[in-house]
Amino acid sequence: MIIINYFDWQGTKDGLMRWVEAVNRQCEYNRVKFLGLFGPSQVRFNWAFIYEADSQEQYHRIWKDLIIPTEVTHIVTNYFWPEKSFQRDLPKYPPAHFFEVS
């Protein structure tokens, strides 16, 4: 699964880099793949952390020993599970009838 934390940072660049390092250490310790710090295209948020984990429980373990800095004014987490319901080969996607107008 992929997890994205969107957040606003109201501190210094050095402070942000220290937090990135702390999050990365916890990810390594808990075997969560930390894909990095990204600048999202949304106007609402300054930054995003992106992770890859086997489960929500595995991801949640990284936060057990982390304290969210006061420079983070708010944070939103989105979880993305792999889609496994499409077990058949589709001849083309989207199907041709998707665009039919009667």
Protein backbone atom coordinates (compact mmCIF):
# COMPACT_ATOMS: atom_id res chain seq x y z
CA MET A 1 0.00 0.00 0.00
CA ILE A 2 0.99 3.61 -0.50
CA ILE A 3 0.52 6.21 2.23
CA ILE A 4 0.75 9.96 1.74
CA ASN A 5 0.96 12.52 4.56
CA TYR A 6 0.12 16.01 3.30
CA PHE A 7 1.20 18.70 5.76
CA ASP A 8 1.96 22.37 6.23
CA TRP A 9 5.30 23.37 7.71
CA GLN A 10 5.69 26.73 9.45
CA GLY A 11 9.32 26.36 10.52
CA THR A 12 12.85 26.57 9.17
CA LYS A 13 14.37 24.45 6.42
CA ASP A 14 16.82 22.98 8.95
CA GLY A 15 13.98 22.02 11.26
CA LEU A 16 12.14 20.36 8.38
CA MET A 17 15.26 18.40 7.40
CA ARG A 18 15.66 17.19 11.01
CA TRP A 19 12.07 15.95 10.98
CA VAL A 20 12.58 14.25 7.61
CA GLU A 21 15.62 12.44 9.07
CA ALA A 22 13.66 11.39 12.18
CA VAL A 23 10.79 10.03 10.06
CA ASN A 24 13.25 8.21 7.78
CA ARG A 25 14.98 6.57 10.80
CA GLN A 26 11.65 5.32 12.13
CA CYS A 27 10.72 4.00 8.69
CA GLU A 28 14.00 2.08 8.46
CA TYR A 29 13.51 0.67 11.97
CA ASN A 30 9.95 -0.45 11.19
CA ARG A 31 10.70 -1.66 7.63
CA VAL A 32 8.47 0.90 5.97
CA LYS A 33 9.82 2.19 2.67
CA PHE A 34 10.17 5.96 2.90
CA LEU A 35 9.90 7.34 -0.63
CA GLY A 36 10.76 10.85 0.48
CA LEU A 37 9.62 14.40 0.95
CA PHE A 38 7.68 15.86 -1.98
CA GLY A 39 6.18 19.23 -2.81
CA PRO A 40 2.55 18.51 -3.76
CA SER A 41 0.64 20.44 -6.39
CA GLN A 42 -2.24 21.24 -4.03
CA VAL A 43 -2.38 24.84 -2.94
CA ARG A 44 -3.54 23.78 0.52
CA PHE A 45 -0.42 21.88 1.61
CA ASN A 46 3.29 22.76 1.62
CA TRP A 47 4.74 19.23 1.66
CA ALA A 48 4.02 15.52 1.45
CA PHE A 49 5.75 12.41 2.81
CA ILE A 50 5.17 9.29 0.73
CA TYR A 51 5.63 5.76 2.08
CA GLU A 52 5.17 2.19 0.96
CA ALA A 53 4.11 -0.37 3.58
CA ASP A 54 2.61 -3.85 3.77
CA SER A 55 -0.23 -2.74 6.09
CA GLN A 56 -1.67 0.19 8.01
CA GLU A 57 -0.43 -1.39 11.23
CA GLN A 58 3.14 -1.46 9.93
CA TYR A 59 2.88 2.20 8.93
CA HIS A 60 1.35 3.23 12.28
CA ARG A 61 4.34 1.76 14.16
CA ILE A 62 6.60 4.52 12.79
CA TRP A 63 4.53 7.10 14.70
CA LYS A 64 4.81 5.32 18.06
CA ASP A 65 8.11 7.05 18.90
CA LEU A 66 7.69 10.20 16.80
CA ILE A 67 6.32 13.51 17.98
CA ILE A 68 4.84 15.76 15.32
CA PRO A 69 6.70 19.07 15.60
CA THR A 70 4.76 22.18 16.53
CA GLU A 71 5.83 23.64 13.16
CA VAL A 72 3.34 21.26 11.51
CA THR A 73 0.12 23.23 11.57
CA HIS A 74 -1.99 20.34 10.25
CA ILE A 75 -1.51 16.98 8.60
CA VAL A 76 -3.76 14.75 6.49
CA THR A 77 -3.08 11.08 5.78
CA ASN A 78 -4.33 9.19 2.72
CA TYR A 79 -4.07 5.42 2.33
CA PHE A 80 -4.00 3.76 -1.10
CA TRP A 81 -4.48 -0.01 -1.30
CA PRO A 82 -3.50 -1.95 -4.41
CA GLU A 83 -6.48 -2.73 -6.63
CA LYS A 84 -6.84 -6.49 -6.96
CA SER A 85 -10.41 -6.76 -8.18
CA PHE A 86 -9.45 -6.61 -11.87
CA GLN A 87 -8.29 -10.20 -12.21
CA ARG A 88 -9.12 -10.52 -15.90
CA ASP A 89 -7.41 -9.04 -18.92
CA LEU A 90 -9.39 -6.21 -20.40
CA PRO A 91 -9.09 -5.85 -24.20
CA LYS A 92 -8.82 -2.09 -23.78
CA TYR A 93 -9.32 0.28 -20.95
CA PRO A 94 -11.59 2.13 -20.64
CA PRO A 95 -14.00 -0.16 -22.52
CA ALA A 96 -15.30 1.23 -25.80
CA HIS A 97 -18.90 1.34 -24.52
CA PHE A 98 -17.81 3.73 -21.78
CA PHE A 99 -17.92 6.57 -24.32
CA GLU A 100 -21.05 5.54 -26.22
CA VAL A 101 -23.75 8.16 -26.24
CA SER A 102 -27.27 7.17 -27.32
